[in-house]
Amino acid sequence: MDPRPIGVFDSGLGGLTALTELRRLMPEENIVYFGDTGRLPYGEKTLPQLRCMAGQDLSLIASYGVKAILVACGTLSSNTPDLLDGFSVPSFGVLRPSIETMARIPGEGPLGILATAATIRSGAFERALRAACPGREIIPVPCPELVPLIESGHADPTDPLLLDAAERYTAPLRGASAVLLGCTHYGIVEEALRAFLDKDTVLVSAAACGARAVRDYLEAEELRGGEGRETFLVSGEPGRFAELAALLLGRSIADRVRQVPVMRIEP
């Protein structure tokens, strides 16, 4: 038994979708979660900024003595894979497990990717999916409005601002066999996205794929164990994060959220 925590980090609320899946798969595990709410959204950052923040985020979460790290952020997973691969603590992004899952989905229709502007700009998900599914049409769609909407509280599936954005972003994906939610935030608004896609379209959650990869590693290395404790760290205002997180998780975490300092990233 290894009671050391699993580290999870994201730009904000999105990684809570991965935490929820980790908790479902491994309820006994201790988890330290970091939401970099003071510097979001990551999808608008440049590559040098993303690399700087990824290094800082990894070091911060590692300082809590974690046994594995889930980078629950499609933007960092696609733009900084070398930093994850070379880090001192076993670190898992959401790109590779997501592509492996997408490649197993049957059908001949297009495969879509919904992700942040920085993720789509990197081309990493698209290249990997083309290599795994030769001959399939791949449709990448940047969604710059979704993360700011979610982080500002527009996550209700009936919210008109959210529905307007969801309809526009899913329009190119009608008829798709599967759509990858390449940003972990998008699982929060899956119902709104689903409303504008064909009923047979399979939605693949990058967050869930990443969580399963961590579970598989811990089981293979016999590192499972813990007491189900959770610690939440944020770089922005903790009260707002705790309020929105409670809605998403269905439970209050206010007494477990604290603010930590991070370096300012120059434009």
Protein backbone atom coordinates (compact mmCIF):
# COMPACT_ATOMS: atom_id res chain seq x y z
CA MET A 1 0.00 0.00 0.00
CA ASP A 2 1.30 3.45 -0.96
CA PRO A 3 -0.69 6.28 0.68
CA ARG A 4 1.15 9.07 -1.14
CA PRO A 5 -1.32 11.27 -3.04
CA ILE A 6 -1.98 11.51 -6.75
CA GLY A 7 -1.30 15.00 -8.08
CA VAL A 8 -3.73 16.54 -10.54
CA PHE A 9 -3.53 19.98 -12.10
CA ASP A 10 -5.30 22.10 -14.69
CA SER A 11 -5.84 25.76 -15.49
CA GLY A 12 -8.99 25.80 -13.37
CA LEU A 13 -12.19 23.83 -12.93
CA GLY A 14 -11.76 21.49 -15.91
CA GLY A 15 -9.48 19.06 -14.14
CA LEU A 16 -12.26 18.33 -11.67
CA THR A 17 -13.73 16.09 -14.38
CA ALA A 18 -10.54 14.02 -14.16
CA LEU A 19 -10.63 14.10 -10.35
CA THR A 20 -14.21 12.81 -10.44
CA GLU A 21 -13.18 9.90 -12.65
CA LEU A 22 -10.16 9.14 -10.46
CA ARG A 23 -12.43 9.13 -7.43
CA ARG A 24 -14.85 6.77 -9.18
CA LEU A 25 -12.06 4.40 -10.19
CA MET A 26 -10.05 4.63 -6.97
CA PRO A 27 -12.12 6.03 -4.10
CA GLU A 28 -9.43 5.28 -1.55
CA GLU A 29 -6.70 7.38 -3.18
CA ASN A 30 -5.49 10.64 -1.68
CA ILE A 31 -5.51 13.50 -4.22
CA VAL A 32 -3.85 16.91 -4.34
CA TYR A 33 -5.50 19.15 -6.94
CA PHE A 34 -4.10 22.44 -8.28
CA GLY A 35 -6.22 24.82 -10.34
CA ASP A 36 -4.16 27.64 -11.83
CA THR A 37 -7.14 29.98 -11.76
CA GLY A 38 -4.99 33.08 -11.43
CA ARG A 39 -3.47 32.56 -14.88
CA LEU A 40 -6.29 31.02 -16.92
CA PRO A 41 -7.22 30.55 -19.68
CA TYR A 42 -4.24 28.56 -20.90
CA GLY A 43 -5.70 28.30 -24.41
CA GLU A 44 -4.75 31.89 -25.19
CA LYS A 45 -1.12 31.62 -24.04
CA THR A 46 1.95 31.41 -26.27
CA LEU A 47 4.13 28.29 -26.41
CA PRO A 48 6.93 29.85 -24.29
CA GLN A 49 4.35 30.87 -21.68
CA LEU A 50 2.82 27.39 -21.66
CA ARG A 51 6.21 25.74 -21.23
CA CYS A 52 7.05 28.04 -18.33
CA MET A 53 3.72 27.40 -16.61
CA ALA A 54 3.91 23.65 -17.18
CA GLY A 55 7.30 23.49 -15.47
CA GLN A 56 6.05 25.55 -12.55
CA ASP A 57 2.84 23.52 -12.20
CA LEU A 58 4.71 20.22 -12.25
CA SER A 59 7.17 21.41 -9.61
CA LEU A 60 4.40 22.78 -7.41
CA ILE A 61 2.34 19.59 -7.41
CA ALA A 62 5.46 17.41 -7.00
CA SER A 63 6.38 19.34 -3.84
CA TYR A 64 3.44 17.64 -2.12
CA GLY A 65 5.13 14.24 -2.30
CA VAL A 66 2.88 12.77 -4.98
CA LYS A 67 3.43 9.30 -6.47
CA ALA A 68 2.06 10.19 -9.91
CA ILE A 69 0.82 13.31 -11.69
CA LEU A 70 -2.12 13.68 -14.04
CA VAL A 71 -1.79 16.78 -16.21
CA ALA A 72 -5.53 17.21 -16.65
CA CYS A 73 -5.10 19.86 -19.31
CA GLY A 74 -5.28 19.22 -23.03
CA THR A 75 -3.43 22.46 -23.78
CA LEU A 76 -0.34 21.47 -21.76
CA SER A 77 -0.55 17.81 -22.80
CA SER A 78 -0.39 18.83 -26.47
CA ASN A 79 2.15 21.64 -26.20
CA THR A 80 4.65 20.34 -23.61
CA PRO A 81 4.82 16.52 -23.89
CA ASP A 82 8.61 16.51 -23.48
CA LEU A 83 8.35 18.16 -20.07
CA LEU A 84 5.91 15.48 -18.92
CA ASP A 85 8.04 12.63 -20.26
CA GLY A 86 11.20 13.91 -18.64
CA PHE A 87 9.82 14.89 -15.25
CA SER A 88 11.13 13.24 -12.08
CA VAL A 89 7.66 12.03 -10.98
CA PRO A 90 5.72 9.72 -13.36
CA SER A 91 3.48 12.18 -15.22
CA PHE A 92 0.55 11.49 -17.52
CA GLY A 93 -1.12 13.82 -19.97
CA VAL A 94 -4.47 13.31 -21.65
CA LEU A 95 -3.30 13.20 -25.27
CA ARG A 96 -1.99 9.65 -25.67
CA PRO A 97 -4.75 7.80 -23.80
CA SER A 98 -7.38 9.87 -25.63
CA ILE A 99 -5.99 8.98 -29.04
CA GLU A 100 -5.81 5.30 -28.11
CA THR A 101 -9.49 5.41 -27.15
CA MET A 102 -10.53 7.29 -30.30
CA ALA A 103 -8.69 4.77 -32.48
CA ARG A 104 -10.82 1.94 -31.11
CA ILE A 105 -14.14 3.53 -32.07
CA PRO A 106 -15.72 1.81 -35.11
CA GLY A 107 -17.24 3.61 -38.06
CA GLU A 108 -16.17 5.45 -41.18
CA GLY A 109 -17.44 8.93 -40.40
CA PRO A 110 -15.23 11.88 -39.52
CA LEU A 111 -13.46 12.13 -36.17
CA GLY A 112 -13.75 15.51 -34.48
CA ILE A 113 -11.58 17.29 -31.94
CA LEU A 114 -12.95 20.08 -29.74
CA ALA A 115 -10.15 21.83 -27.86
CA THR A 116 -8.66 25.18 -26.92
CA ALA A 117 -7.11 27.42 -29.54
CA ALA A 118 -3.58 26.61 -28.29
CA THR A 119 -4.24 22.87 -28.45
CA ILE A 120 -5.60 23.03 -32.00
CA ARG A 121 -2.78 25.36 -33.03
CA SER A 122 -0.19 22.85 -31.79
CA GLY A 123 -1.59 20.18 -34.12
CA ALA A 124 -0.60 17.46 -31.66
CA PHE A 125 -4.01 15.82 -31.27
CA GLU A 126 -4.67 16.03 -35.00
CA ARG A 127 -1.30 14.52 -35.98
CA ALA A 128 -1.63 11.71 -33.46
CA LEU A 129 -5.19 10.91 -34.54
CA ARG A 130 -4.24 10.89 -38.23
CA ALA A 131 -1.40 8.49 -37.49
CA ALA A 132 -3.67 6.21 -35.45
CA CYS A 133 -6.59 6.35 -37.91
CA PRO A 134 -5.13 6.59 -41.43
CA GLY A 135 -7.68 7.42 -44.07
CA ARG A 136 -10.23 8.91 -41.65
CA GLU A 137 -11.32 12.52 -42.00
CA ILE A 138 -10.16 14.52 -38.97
CA ILE A 139 -11.93 17.79 -38.09
CA PRO A 140 -10.21 19.94 -35.44
CA VAL A 141 -12.30 22.78 -34.00
CA PRO A 142 -10.86 25.48 -31.70
CA CYS A 143 -13.31 26.65 -29.01
CA PRO A 144 -11.87 29.81 -27.45
CA GLU A 145 -15.08 30.85 -25.68
CA LEU A 146 -15.85 27.67 -23.73
CA VAL A 147 -13.29 27.82 -20.90
CA PRO A 148 -14.02 31.49 -20.06
CA LEU A 149 -17.75 30.73 -20.10
CA ILE A 150 -17.37 27.74 -17.78
CA GLU A 151 -15.02 29.55 -15.39
CA SER A 152 -17.44 32.48 -15.19
CA GLY A 153 -20.31 30.21 -14.18
CA HIS A 154 -22.05 29.68 -17.56
CA ALA A 155 -22.07 25.89 -17.34
CA ASP A 156 -25.79 25.17 -17.05
CA PRO A 157 -26.98 23.21 -20.12
CA THR A 158 -29.82 25.71 -20.59
CA ASP A 159 -27.58 28.81 -20.43
CA PRO A 160 -28.15 30.78 -23.67
CA LEU A 161 -24.55 31.99 -23.95
CA LEU A 162 -23.26 28.45 -23.56
CA LEU A 163 -25.79 27.02 -26.00
CA ASP A 164 -24.91 29.65 -28.62
CA ALA A 165 -21.21 28.76 -28.38
CA ALA A 166 -21.91 25.02 -28.34
CA GLU A 167 -24.04 25.23 -31.47
CA ARG A 168 -21.37 27.16 -33.38
CA TYR A 169 -18.49 24.92 -32.35
CA THR A 170 -20.29 21.63 -33.07
CA ALA A 171 -21.67 22.73 -36.45
CA PRO A 172 -18.69 21.31 -38.43
CA LEU A 173 -19.04 17.97 -36.60
CA ARG A 174 -22.50 16.87 -37.68
CA GLY A 175 -22.19 13.31 -38.97
CA ALA A 176 -19.01 12.59 -36.99
CA SER A 177 -18.52 9.05 -35.70
CA ALA A 178 -16.78 10.37 -32.60
CA VAL A 179 -15.74 13.68 -31.07
CA LEU A 180 -12.86 14.04 -28.64
CA LEU A 181 -13.39 16.55 -25.86
CA GLY A 182 -9.73 17.53 -25.88
CA CYS A 183 -10.05 20.05 -23.05
CA THR A 184 -11.01 18.70 -19.64
CA HIS A 185 -13.30 21.69 -19.09
CA TYR A 186 -15.58 20.47 -21.87
CA GLY A 187 -16.79 17.48 -19.90
CA ILE A 188 -18.52 19.99 -17.63
CA VAL A 189 -20.69 21.15 -20.55
CA GLU A 190 -21.03 17.80 -22.30
CA GLU A 191 -24.82 17.97 -22.20
CA ALA A 192 -24.87 21.29 -24.06
CA LEU A 193 -22.43 19.99 -26.70
CA ARG A 194 -24.34 16.73 -27.06
CA ALA A 195 -27.55 18.65 -27.86
CA PHE A 196 -26.15 19.72 -31.23
CA LEU A 197 -24.43 16.49 -32.29
CA ASP A 198 -25.92 13.41 -33.95
CA LYS A 199 -27.39 11.01 -31.41
CA ASP A 200 -25.00 8.25 -32.54
CA THR A 201 -21.86 10.36 -32.20
CA VAL A 202 -19.56 9.00 -29.48
CA LEU A 203 -18.10 11.61 -27.13
CA VAL A 204 -14.67 10.76 -25.73
CA SER A 205 -13.59 12.53 -22.56
CA ALA A 206 -9.87 13.34 -22.42
CA ALA A 207 -10.23 13.66 -18.64
CA ALA A 208 -11.58 10.14 -18.22
CA CYS A 209 -8.93 8.71 -20.54
CA GLY A 210 -6.16 10.35 -18.53
CA ALA A 211 -7.61 9.12 -15.25
CA ARG A 212 -7.72 5.54 -16.53
CA ALA A 213 -4.06 5.80 -17.60
CA VAL A 214 -3.06 6.80 -14.07
CA ARG A 215 -5.15 3.95 -12.60
CA ASP A 216 -3.49 1.44 -14.91
CA TYR A 217 -0.01 2.68 -13.93
CA LEU A 218 -0.68 2.53 -10.20
CA GLU A 219 -2.09 -0.97 -10.47
CA ALA A 220 0.81 -2.20 -12.61
CA GLU A 221 3.35 -0.76 -10.15
CA GLU A 222 1.35 -1.88 -7.07
CA LEU A 223 1.14 1.70 -5.80
CA ARG A 224 -2.55 1.81 -4.91
CA GLY A 225 -3.55 2.98 -1.43
CA GLY A 226 -4.75 5.87 0.66
CA GLU A 227 -7.56 7.18 2.84
CA GLY A 228 -9.55 9.19 0.29
CA ARG A 229 -8.24 12.59 1.42
CA GLU A 230 -8.41 15.63 -0.89
CA THR A 231 -6.49 18.91 -0.90
CA PHE A 232 -7.35 21.73 -3.31
CA LEU A 233 -4.90 24.47 -4.26
CA VAL A 234 -5.63 27.50 -6.43
CA SER A 235 -3.57 30.44 -7.63
CA GLY A 236 -6.60 32.76 -7.78
CA GLU A 237 -9.40 33.60 -5.38
CA PRO A 238 -10.31 30.43 -3.46
CA GLY A 239 -13.91 31.35 -2.59
CA ARG A 240 -15.16 31.50 -6.18
CA PHE A 241 -13.39 28.27 -7.07
CA ALA A 242 -14.89 26.50 -4.06
CA GLU A 243 -18.36 27.78 -4.95
CA LEU A 244 -18.26 26.55 -8.55
CA ALA A 245 -16.47 23.33 -7.64
CA ALA A 246 -19.22 22.47 -5.16
CA LEU A 247 -21.78 22.69 -7.97
CA LEU A 248 -19.73 20.40 -10.19
CA LEU A 249 -18.76 17.88 -7.51
CA GLY A 250 -22.05 17.89 -5.66
CA ARG A 251 -20.32 18.50 -2.33
CA SER A 252 -18.66 21.35 -0.49
CA ILE A 253 -14.87 21.60 -0.52
CA ALA A 254 -14.60 25.09 1.00
CA ASP A 255 -12.64 23.88 4.02
CA ARG A 256 -10.04 22.18 1.81
CA VAL A 257 -9.23 24.97 -0.66
CA ARG A 258 -6.29 27.30 -0.14
CA GLN A 259 -4.45 29.79 -2.29
CA VAL A 260 -0.82 29.33 -3.30
CA PRO A 261 1.44 31.89 -4.99
CA VAL A 262 2.61 31.47 -8.58
CA MET A 263 4.93 33.52 -10.73
CA ARG A 264 3.50 36.09 -13.11
CA ILE A 265 3.96 35.12 -16.74
CA GLU A 266 5.09 37.96 -18.99
CA PRO A 267 3.23 38.44 -22.30
